[in-house]
Structure formats: structure tokens, C-alpha cells
Amino acid sequence: MLSALASRLLGQAMGMRKHEELMLAGLLQDMGALALLHVCNDDYAPLLREAGDSDGATVLALERERLGCDHAEVGAWLAQKWKLPGYLQRSIGRSAGTDPAQDTFGRCVLLSGSVADIWLSADTDAARGLAMERAYRELQLDSRRFDEVIAGMAEALPVIAPIFDVRVAQPERIDAITSHARELMVLRNLREIQEATHARQQADESEHRARRLAEQASRDALTGVYNRHQLDILLSQQFDLASRHDWPLSIAFIDLDDFKKINDAHGHLIGDQVLRAFAQALQPLLRSSDTVARFGGEEFLVLLPNTSEEAALSVIQRILLDIVQRPMVELKSGPLHISFSAGVATQGGRERFGTAQELLQAADDMLYSSKHGGRNRVTARSFRDTLA
């Protein structure tokens, strides 16, 4: 019974699923010894007493010397005669360990006898040491997992023993081993929780870092608004949505007036400050659903989803009035003010464009009209406005 339970628990520790087969193989592996006791008790019982706690090889040698055969051979012969399954015949035939098992199943069954000896041997510590050494050598089972097997044995015996109508004494040392194994299992569970928490934190950090990098890749380094690449993506998406749902999409193409003169007069660093200040001033004047992007140089594009041409024109007019009154940079000579020219075009309503690029070109054409109409103004396809 001890070997049967040990065989099953060793298999579980190794991740095997054939629990019942392991237990049956462990239970029957030494049935040849039982047969010899039954048939020739007068000769075999003294032999076992003489062998004592000797290893399997010594027992086999005595059996062959005194009886002309060993219990493994007898058991295998009986298993074959009874037509037991092949895995049982193999386990019984190598039960003494002279024919090493090449598979994990067989090694678990072979090792189960050494584990059972922890309960049967007079020297519990020596038996445990021998079994643990074999477990590591034959199954690469470390001391922690081995002690978990022992703890499992100690917990299961009070339930299993009555089924077999046997009484198994629990060596005092086993209680200490069981307590130690439980402590190890608690520590392992805590470590696994810590490792899982750490892994989750690392995953969250990696995800956050990936989002941050993706956001940085989509932003213009100077102004912080979306860059040209991201603009192309967003414009295409918004154009498709507007076409599919039949709602208007307005865009405003904005160009800062006389920006080259600012660079020439004050230098490119001041020019960069103006671009940053303009972008920062522009965003709060729009809805959260609107998009600001730097098209290139001193040109910006604003996407106004679900906004008619008339409403878009009014929004950009209001922004222009705000910008011309707001200083972009404070110079030693005084505040630096700017103006801009803009062109507005709308998908839906009065006009429908075949592609997003056609809509963009229409807004660019209106920007051209604003610049050549005197700058500091907003021009739409259906409305015209001049601000001095």
C-alpha cells in the first residue's frame, strides 16, 4: 500500500496524469515476493529476515542463490499468465531495480519502494536520505518537491490505510518532514504570487512604455501636436467615417503669415518658439473630438468631424481673432504677434469628394485664395471672409 501511494504521488510530482495506473503498478510490483511467501514460506521468510534492510540487488542475489529464481521473475511470470496489461508486466518484471526503467512511469514505480521504506525502516532518516538521493538521480526531483511527496503520503495514509485494513505507524521524524514541506509549499506559493505580481507590473510597464513610444512616434517633436504621418492616418479614418455615416467632415488648412520674415528677423529659435506657442494656443480653442496636426513647416491642419462648412468657418474665424490678439513670444523689443491664413473645405453638405486627398486639395486651394487675397483671413468653398 505504501509503495502504491508513493508511486502515485511521485507521478503527480512529475506532472503525470496516469494516477490510477501508477498506484496499481506500485501495489502489484512485489507480488512475486508474496507468491514466494505463500508457496515456500519456510525457505523464503528466513531469507527476507536475513536480508533485512539490504538493497534490492542483495535480496535478488540471495533469492537466486537459495531458490534459483528471484521474486521479480516470479511476479512477471504470474502477470503474464494472468494476462495483466503490458505496463503492469513490465513494472513487476523490473520491480527489484536490476532492469532500469527508461520512462518516467517506470522510474516512479521503481522509486516507490524506497519511499515506502521511510515508514518501514528502523532508521527513518537514513531511509529518507537514500530515497531523496534516488529521487534526484532518477527523476531530477529536488528536495522541496520530494518533501512535498512525503507530506502528501503522511496526509493520505490516515484515509488510505483503513481501506486496505492496515495500520501504519507514523514515524516521529515524518511529522517534522511534513511540517517542513508545508512551510516550503507556503513559501513557494508566496513566491509564485510575488513573481506573478512582478510579471504583471512588468507587463503593465511595458504596455505603458509601448503606448508612450507609439504616442511619441505619432507626435511632432517641436510642437507636440500630431505629425504628418499620423495626420494621414486620422484624415483617412475620419473621411471614411463621414462617407459611411453621411455626416459632414470639415478641414482647415492653416499657414502662419510671413513666417519667413520672423525667422529672418529674429532667428530660427524664435521661429520655433512661435510654432510651439501657436500649437499650444490652438488646441484649447477646439473641441476634444477635433484634431490638430502639423502638416509641415509653418502649416497646420485641423480636422473638425461632424461639422458643417459654415460652422467650421465660424470656428476658424474665432480662432484667428484670438490668435492675432495673443502675443506668441515676448521679445526684448516687445510682444511678437502673428496672424494666419486658412482655407476650409467640407465633405458632405454642398460637396462630396471621392477621396481624402481630394478634400485636402480643396482646403489647400482655399488657403491659396486666402494668401493671395491679402492674408490674415479664412476662405471657404461657399463663404468668404476677410479680417484685417
Protein backbone atom coordinates (compact mmCIF):
# COMPACT_ATOMS: atom_id res chain seq x y z
CA MET A 1 0.00 0.00 0.00
CA LEU A 2 2.82 2.43 0.85
CA SER A 3 4.52 1.74 -2.48
CA ALA A 4 1.23 2.22 -4.33
CA LEU A 5 0.64 5.60 -2.71
CA ALA A 6 4.27 6.66 -3.22
CA SER A 7 4.15 5.66 -6.90
CA ARG A 8 1.06 7.79 -7.44
CA LEU A 9 2.41 10.85 -5.60
CA LEU A 10 5.78 10.64 -7.37
CA GLY A 11 3.95 10.58 -10.69
CA GLN A 12 1.91 13.63 -9.69
CA ALA A 13 5.10 15.46 -8.71
CA MET A 14 6.45 14.70 -12.19
CA GLY A 15 3.30 16.05 -13.85
CA MET A 16 1.98 12.67 -14.98
CA ARG A 17 -1.76 12.02 -15.40
CA LYS A 18 -1.88 8.20 -15.11
CA HIS A 19 -2.51 8.32 -11.36
CA GLU A 20 -4.57 5.12 -11.06
CA GLU A 21 -2.19 3.15 -13.28
CA LEU A 22 0.77 4.32 -11.19
CA MET A 23 -0.95 3.28 -7.98
CA LEU A 24 -1.87 -0.16 -9.34
CA ALA A 25 1.66 -0.74 -10.62
CA GLY A 26 3.10 0.27 -7.25
CA LEU A 27 0.68 -2.04 -5.47
CA LEU A 28 1.46 -5.12 -7.61
CA GLN A 29 5.17 -4.64 -8.27
CA ASP A 30 6.26 -7.01 -5.46
CA MET A 31 3.53 -9.61 -5.87
CA GLY A 32 6.23 -12.17 -6.73
CA ALA A 33 7.52 -11.87 -3.15
CA LEU A 34 4.01 -12.53 -1.82
CA ALA A 35 3.74 -15.58 -4.05
CA LEU A 36 7.06 -16.95 -2.77
CA LEU A 37 5.97 -16.41 0.84
CA HIS A 38 2.79 -18.32 0.13
CA VAL A 39 4.39 -21.21 -1.76
CA CYS A 40 7.69 -21.66 0.11
CA ASN A 41 7.33 -19.73 3.32
CA ASP A 42 9.74 -21.93 5.29
CA ASP A 43 12.58 -21.04 2.92
CA TYR A 44 11.64 -17.52 1.88
CA ALA A 45 10.74 -15.95 5.24
CA PRO A 46 14.20 -16.65 6.76
CA LEU A 47 15.77 -15.27 3.58
CA LEU A 48 13.91 -11.97 4.00
CA ARG A 49 14.87 -11.78 7.66
CA GLU A 50 18.49 -12.35 6.71
CA ALA A 51 18.35 -9.65 4.00
CA GLY A 52 16.88 -7.13 6.47
CA ASP A 53 17.16 -3.58 5.09
CA SER A 54 19.51 -4.61 2.28
CA ASP A 55 19.05 -3.10 -1.17
CA GLY A 56 17.20 -4.84 -3.97
CA ALA A 57 20.33 -6.27 -5.57
CA THR A 58 21.28 -8.09 -2.34
CA VAL A 59 17.78 -9.54 -1.99
CA LEU A 60 17.84 -10.74 -5.60
CA ALA A 61 21.24 -12.37 -5.12
CA LEU A 62 20.03 -14.26 -2.04
CA GLU A 63 16.84 -15.34 -3.82
CA ARG A 64 18.74 -16.71 -6.79
CA GLU A 65 21.30 -18.40 -4.58
CA ARG A 66 18.72 -20.09 -2.34
CA LEU A 67 15.74 -20.52 -4.65
CA GLY A 68 17.16 -20.48 -8.17
CA CYS A 69 14.97 -17.52 -9.15
CA ASP A 70 14.00 -14.10 -7.82
CA HIS A 71 10.67 -12.55 -6.89
CA ALA A 72 10.71 -10.22 -9.93
CA GLU A 73 10.88 -13.21 -12.29
CA VAL A 74 8.11 -14.97 -10.38
CA GLY A 75 5.92 -11.87 -10.42
CA ALA A 76 6.46 -11.27 -14.14
CA TRP A 77 5.62 -14.91 -14.88
CA LEU A 78 2.38 -14.66 -12.89
CA ALA A 79 1.48 -11.34 -14.57
CA GLN A 80 1.94 -12.92 -17.98
CA LYS A 81 -0.13 -15.98 -17.02
CA TRP A 82 -2.89 -13.77 -15.69
CA LYS A 83 -2.69 -11.64 -18.85
CA LEU A 84 -2.27 -8.39 -16.97
CA PRO A 85 -1.71 -5.25 -19.07
CA GLY A 86 1.75 -4.82 -20.55
CA TYR A 87 2.67 -1.84 -18.34
CA LEU A 88 1.99 -3.97 -15.23
CA GLN A 89 4.04 -6.88 -16.58
CA ARG A 90 6.96 -4.54 -17.20
CA SER A 91 6.68 -2.86 -13.79
CA ILE A 92 6.54 -6.19 -11.97
CA GLY A 93 9.41 -7.66 -14.02
CA ARG A 94 11.81 -4.88 -13.04
CA SER A 95 10.50 -4.34 -9.50
CA ALA A 96 13.86 -5.14 -7.93
CA GLY A 97 15.59 -2.42 -9.93
CA THR A 98 18.05 -4.55 -11.90
CA ASP A 99 16.40 -3.59 -15.18
CA PRO A 100 16.37 0.24 -15.08
CA ALA A 101 13.22 1.85 -16.40
CA GLN A 102 13.69 4.11 -19.41
CA ASP A 103 10.43 6.00 -18.91
CA THR A 104 9.18 8.27 -16.13
CA PHE A 105 6.31 5.91 -15.31
CA GLY A 106 8.67 3.01 -14.66
CA ARG A 107 11.10 5.14 -12.66
CA CYS A 108 8.29 6.36 -10.39
CA VAL A 109 7.21 2.77 -9.71
CA LEU A 110 10.80 1.64 -9.04
CA LEU A 111 11.43 4.53 -6.67
CA SER A 112 8.20 3.99 -4.73
CA GLY A 113 9.73 1.15 -2.72
CA SER A 114 12.48 3.40 -1.41
CA VAL A 115 9.89 5.98 -0.37
CA ALA A 116 7.85 3.29 1.38
CA ASP A 117 10.97 2.26 3.33
CA ILE A 118 10.87 5.62 5.14
CA TRP A 119 7.86 4.24 7.02
CA LEU A 120 9.12 0.65 7.22
CA SER A 121 12.79 1.10 8.06
CA ALA A 122 14.07 1.30 11.63
CA ASP A 123 16.27 4.26 10.60
CA THR A 124 13.83 6.81 9.16
CA ASP A 125 16.47 9.47 8.44
CA ALA A 126 18.76 7.05 6.59
CA ALA A 127 15.84 5.71 4.53
CA ARG A 128 14.72 9.24 3.70
CA GLY A 129 18.23 10.25 2.66
CA LEU A 130 18.56 7.22 0.38
CA ALA A 131 15.12 7.78 -1.18
CA MET A 132 15.78 11.51 -1.72
CA GLU A 133 19.13 10.74 -3.36
CA ARG A 134 17.48 8.25 -5.74
CA ALA A 135 14.65 10.70 -6.47
CA TYR A 136 17.12 13.35 -7.56
CA ARG A 137 19.28 10.92 -9.53
CA GLU A 138 16.47 9.12 -11.34
CA LEU A 139 13.74 11.78 -11.56
CA GLN A 140 15.64 15.07 -11.01
CA LEU A 141 13.21 15.66 -8.14
CA ASP A 142 14.66 18.33 -5.84
CA SER A 143 14.41 18.21 -2.05
CA ARG A 144 11.46 20.62 -1.93
CA ARG A 145 9.30 18.54 -4.25
CA PHE A 146 10.46 15.33 -2.59
CA ASP A 147 9.37 16.62 0.84
CA GLU A 148 6.02 17.56 -0.70
CA VAL A 149 5.64 13.92 -1.75
CA ILE A 150 6.41 12.81 1.82
CA ALA A 151 3.92 15.35 3.19
CA GLY A 152 1.32 14.04 0.76
CA MET A 153 1.99 10.49 1.95
CA ALA A 154 1.59 11.50 5.60
CA GLU A 155 -1.71 13.27 4.89
CA ALA A 156 -3.14 10.47 2.72
CA LEU A 157 -2.23 7.48 4.91
CA PRO A 158 -4.95 8.02 7.55
CA VAL A 159 -7.51 7.90 4.72
CA ILE A 160 -5.95 5.10 2.63
CA ALA A 161 -4.88 2.71 5.40
CA PRO A 162 -8.42 1.80 6.59
CA ILE A 163 -9.39 0.92 3.02
CA PHE A 164 -6.66 -1.73 2.97
CA ASP A 165 -7.42 -2.66 6.62
CA VAL A 166 -3.86 -2.00 7.71
CA ARG A 167 -2.35 0.17 10.40
CA VAL A 168 0.77 2.17 9.54
CA ALA A 169 2.77 3.77 12.31
CA GLN A 170 3.78 7.37 11.63
CA PRO A 171 7.47 7.83 12.48
CA GLU A 172 8.08 10.91 14.64
CA ARG A 173 10.53 12.26 12.09
CA ILE A 174 7.78 12.27 9.43
CA ASP A 175 5.87 14.96 11.35
CA ALA A 176 8.89 17.26 11.15
CA ILE A 177 9.32 16.50 7.45
CA THR A 178 5.62 17.17 6.84
CA SER A 179 5.74 20.49 8.69
CA HIS A 180 8.84 21.49 6.75
CA ALA A 181 7.18 20.54 3.46
CA ARG A 182 4.11 22.61 4.33
CA GLU A 183 6.31 25.60 5.11
CA LEU A 184 8.07 25.14 1.78
CA MET A 185 4.75 24.99 -0.05
CA VAL A 186 3.57 28.20 1.66
CA LEU A 187 6.84 29.93 0.75
CA ARG A 188 6.60 28.65 -2.81
CA ASN A 189 3.02 29.92 -3.13
CA LEU A 190 4.07 33.31 -1.76
CA ARG A 191 6.98 33.43 -4.17
CA GLU A 192 4.71 32.49 -7.08
CA ILE A 193 2.29 35.27 -6.07
CA GLN A 194 5.18 37.74 -5.85
CA GLU A 195 6.54 36.59 -9.21
CA ALA A 196 3.08 36.85 -10.80
CA THR A 197 2.63 40.34 -9.34
CA HIS A 198 6.08 41.37 -10.55
CA ALA A 199 5.37 39.92 -14.01
CA ARG A 200 2.06 41.83 -14.14
CA GLN A 201 3.81 45.05 -13.14
CA GLN A 202 6.47 44.49 -15.79
CA ALA A 203 3.79 43.78 -18.38
CA ASP A 204 1.91 46.96 -17.39
CA GLU A 205 5.12 48.98 -17.55
CA SER A 206 5.97 47.51 -20.95
CA GLU A 207 2.47 48.25 -22.21
CA HIS A 208 2.66 51.81 -20.87
CA ARG A 209 6.11 52.26 -22.40
CA ALA A 210 4.87 50.89 -25.74
CA ARG A 211 1.90 53.29 -25.69
CA ARG A 212 4.19 56.18 -24.80
CA LEU A 213 6.59 55.31 -27.61
CA ALA A 214 3.69 54.94 -30.04
CA GLU A 215 2.35 58.32 -28.92
CA GLN A 216 5.78 59.89 -29.31
CA ALA A 217 6.09 58.41 -32.79
CA SER A 218 2.78 60.00 -33.78
CA ARG A 219 3.65 63.47 -32.43
CA ASP A 220 5.58 66.34 -33.93
CA ALA A 221 8.74 66.72 -31.87
CA LEU A 222 8.71 70.52 -31.92
CA THR A 223 5.07 71.42 -31.30
CA GLY A 224 3.64 68.30 -29.63
CA VAL A 225 0.65 68.10 -31.99
CA TYR A 226 0.19 65.17 -34.37
CA ASN A 227 2.77 64.81 -37.13
CA ARG A 228 2.20 64.41 -40.87
CA HIS A 229 2.27 60.61 -40.79
CA GLN A 230 -0.39 60.42 -38.09
CA LEU A 231 -2.40 63.11 -39.85
CA ASP A 232 -2.63 60.98 -42.99
CA ILE A 233 -3.96 58.07 -40.90
CA LEU A 234 -6.50 60.15 -38.98
CA LEU A 235 -7.70 62.03 -42.06
CA SER A 236 -8.29 58.76 -43.91
CA GLN A 237 -10.20 57.31 -40.93
CA GLN A 238 -12.36 60.41 -40.46
CA PHE A 239 -13.08 60.65 -44.18
CA ASP A 240 -14.21 57.01 -44.28
CA LEU A 241 -16.45 57.51 -41.22
CA ALA A 242 -18.01 60.65 -42.68
CA SER A 243 -18.68 58.94 -46.01
CA ARG A 244 -20.10 55.81 -44.33
CA HIS A 245 -22.39 57.62 -41.86
CA ASP A 246 -23.22 60.56 -44.11
CA TRP A 247 -22.12 63.23 -41.66
CA PRO A 248 -20.01 66.29 -42.56
CA LEU A 249 -16.24 66.44 -42.12
CA SER A 250 -14.60 69.84 -42.35
CA ILE A 251 -10.88 70.50 -42.51
CA ALA A 252 -8.98 73.76 -42.16
CA PHE A 253 -5.58 74.26 -43.79
CA ILE A 254 -3.69 76.96 -41.81
CA ASP A 255 -0.48 78.77 -42.77
CA LEU A 256 1.21 81.32 -40.47
CA ASP A 257 1.56 84.64 -42.29
CA ASP A 258 5.04 85.99 -43.09
CA PHE A 259 6.72 83.31 -41.01
CA LYS A 260 9.90 83.54 -43.08
CA LYS A 261 10.23 87.18 -42.02
CA ILE A 262 10.12 86.11 -38.35
CA ASN A 263 12.96 83.64 -38.93
CA ASP A 264 14.96 86.20 -40.87
CA ALA A 265 14.44 88.96 -38.32
CA HIS A 266 14.70 87.02 -35.06
CA GLY A 267 16.32 83.68 -35.91
CA HIS A 268 15.07 80.12 -36.12
CA LEU A 269 14.98 79.60 -32.34
CA ILE A 270 12.42 82.38 -32.02
CA GLY A 271 10.61 80.90 -35.00
CA ASP A 272 10.44 77.54 -33.20
CA GLN A 273 9.04 79.25 -30.11
CA VAL A 274 6.33 80.84 -32.25
CA LEU A 275 5.36 77.46 -33.73
CA ARG A 276 5.16 75.88 -30.28
CA ALA A 277 3.16 78.77 -28.84
CA PHE A 278 0.73 78.72 -31.77
CA ALA A 279 0.13 74.96 -31.43
CA GLN A 280 -0.40 75.29 -27.67
CA ALA A 281 -2.81 78.19 -28.17
CA LEU A 282 -4.74 76.41 -30.91
CA GLN A 283 -5.67 73.22 -29.09
CA PRO A 284 -7.70 74.74 -26.18
CA LEU A 285 -9.80 76.65 -28.71
CA LEU A 286 -11.08 73.39 -30.25
CA ARG A 287 -13.26 70.51 -29.10
CA SER A 288 -11.74 67.29 -27.73
CA SER A 289 -13.07 65.49 -30.82
CA ASP A 290 -11.15 67.84 -33.14
CA THR A 291 -7.61 67.11 -34.27
CA VAL A 292 -4.63 69.43 -34.74
CA ALA A 293 -1.61 68.33 -36.77
CA ARG A 294 1.48 69.97 -38.15
CA PHE A 295 1.46 69.49 -41.89
CA GLY A 296 4.99 70.79 -42.35
CA GLY A 297 6.98 73.98 -41.75
CA GLU A 298 4.56 76.66 -40.59
CA GLU A 299 1.48 74.82 -41.96
CA PHE A 300 -1.10 73.15 -39.71
CA LEU A 301 -4.25 71.18 -40.40
CA VAL A 302 -7.37 70.99 -38.23
CA LEU A 303 -9.90 68.14 -38.59
CA LEU A 304 -13.44 69.04 -37.49
CA PRO A 305 -15.63 65.91 -37.62
CA ASN A 306 -19.41 66.23 -37.80
CA THR A 307 -19.03 69.96 -38.53
CA SER A 308 -20.67 71.78 -41.42
CA GLU A 309 -18.74 74.18 -43.63
CA GLU A 310 -20.48 77.21 -42.14
CA ALA A 311 -19.76 76.06 -38.56
CA ALA A 312 -16.13 75.26 -39.41
CA LEU A 313 -15.68 78.70 -40.96
CA SER A 314 -17.06 80.31 -37.78
CA VAL A 315 -14.69 78.25 -35.57
CA ILE A 316 -11.57 79.16 -37.56
CA GLN A 317 -12.63 82.85 -37.70
CA ARG A 318 -12.95 82.86 -33.90
CA ILE A 319 -9.51 81.24 -33.55
CA LEU A 320 -7.96 83.83 -35.88
CA LEU A 321 -9.44 86.68 -33.81
CA ASP A 322 -7.96 85.11 -30.66
CA ILE A 323 -4.52 84.47 -32.17
CA VAL A 324 -3.97 87.97 -33.57
CA GLN A 325 -4.59 89.44 -30.11
CA ARG A 326 -2.39 86.96 -28.26
CA PRO A 327 1.40 87.51 -28.14
CA MET A 328 3.27 84.39 -29.23
CA VAL A 329 6.67 85.40 -27.84
CA GLU A 330 7.88 88.17 -25.55
CA LEU A 331 10.93 89.82 -27.13
CA LYS A 332 13.14 92.48 -25.61
CA SER A 333 11.59 94.89 -28.07
CA GLY A 334 8.06 93.86 -27.04
CA PRO A 335 5.46 91.16 -27.70
CA LEU A 336 5.51 89.35 -31.04
CA HIS A 337 2.08 88.91 -32.64
CA ILE A 338 1.20 86.82 -35.68
CA SER A 339 -1.73 86.16 -37.96
CA PHE A 340 -2.58 83.27 -40.25
CA SER A 341 -4.35 82.46 -43.47
CA ALA A 342 -6.67 79.45 -43.69
CA GLY A 343 -8.72 77.51 -46.19
CA VAL A 344 -11.77 75.41 -45.25
CA ALA A 345 -13.32 72.54 -47.21
CA THR A 346 -16.08 70.13 -46.20
CA GLN A 347 -17.01 66.59 -47.16
CA GLY A 348 -20.81 66.37 -47.19
CA GLY A 349 -23.45 69.03 -47.43
CA ARG A 350 -22.86 71.03 -50.61
CA GLU A 351 -19.92 68.96 -51.87
CA ARG A 352 -18.76 65.35 -51.90
CA PHE A 353 -15.18 64.36 -52.65
CA GLY A 354 -14.05 60.99 -53.89
CA THR A 355 -11.02 60.69 -51.61
CA ALA A 356 -9.47 62.30 -48.54
CA GLN A 357 -6.71 63.70 -50.74
CA GLU A 358 -9.28 65.49 -52.90
CA LEU A 359 -10.75 67.07 -49.75
CA LEU A 360 -7.25 68.10 -48.64
CA GLN A 361 -6.53 69.62 -52.03
CA ALA A 362 -9.77 71.62 -51.86
CA ALA A 363 -8.75 73.09 -48.49
CA ASP A 364 -5.29 73.86 -49.88
CA ASP A 365 -6.90 75.71 -52.80
CA MET A 366 -8.89 77.84 -50.33
CA LEU A 367 -5.70 78.55 -48.37
CA TYR A 368 -4.11 79.74 -51.60
CA SER A 369 -7.08 82.10 -52.10
CA SER A 370 -6.68 83.49 -48.57
CA LYS A 371 -2.95 84.16 -49.01
CA HIS A 372 -3.40 85.82 -52.35
CA GLY A 373 -6.40 87.76 -51.08
CA GLY A 374 -4.27 89.64 -48.58
CA ARG A 375 -3.58 87.07 -45.80
CA ASN A 376 -5.00 87.26 -42.25
CA ARG A 377 -8.23 85.72 -43.42
CA VAL A 378 -10.25 82.48 -43.71
CA THR A 379 -11.71 81.32 -47.01
CA ALA A 380 -14.25 78.54 -47.50
CA ARG A 381 -15.59 76.96 -50.66
CA SER A 382 -19.02 78.55 -50.23
CA PHE A 383 -18.26 81.50 -47.92
CA ARG A 384 -15.63 84.18 -47.97
CA ASP A 385 -14.37 86.25 -45.06
CA THR A 386 -11.69 88.91 -44.74
CA LEU A 387 -10.16 90.01 -41.42
CA ALA A 388 -7.69 92.92 -41.46
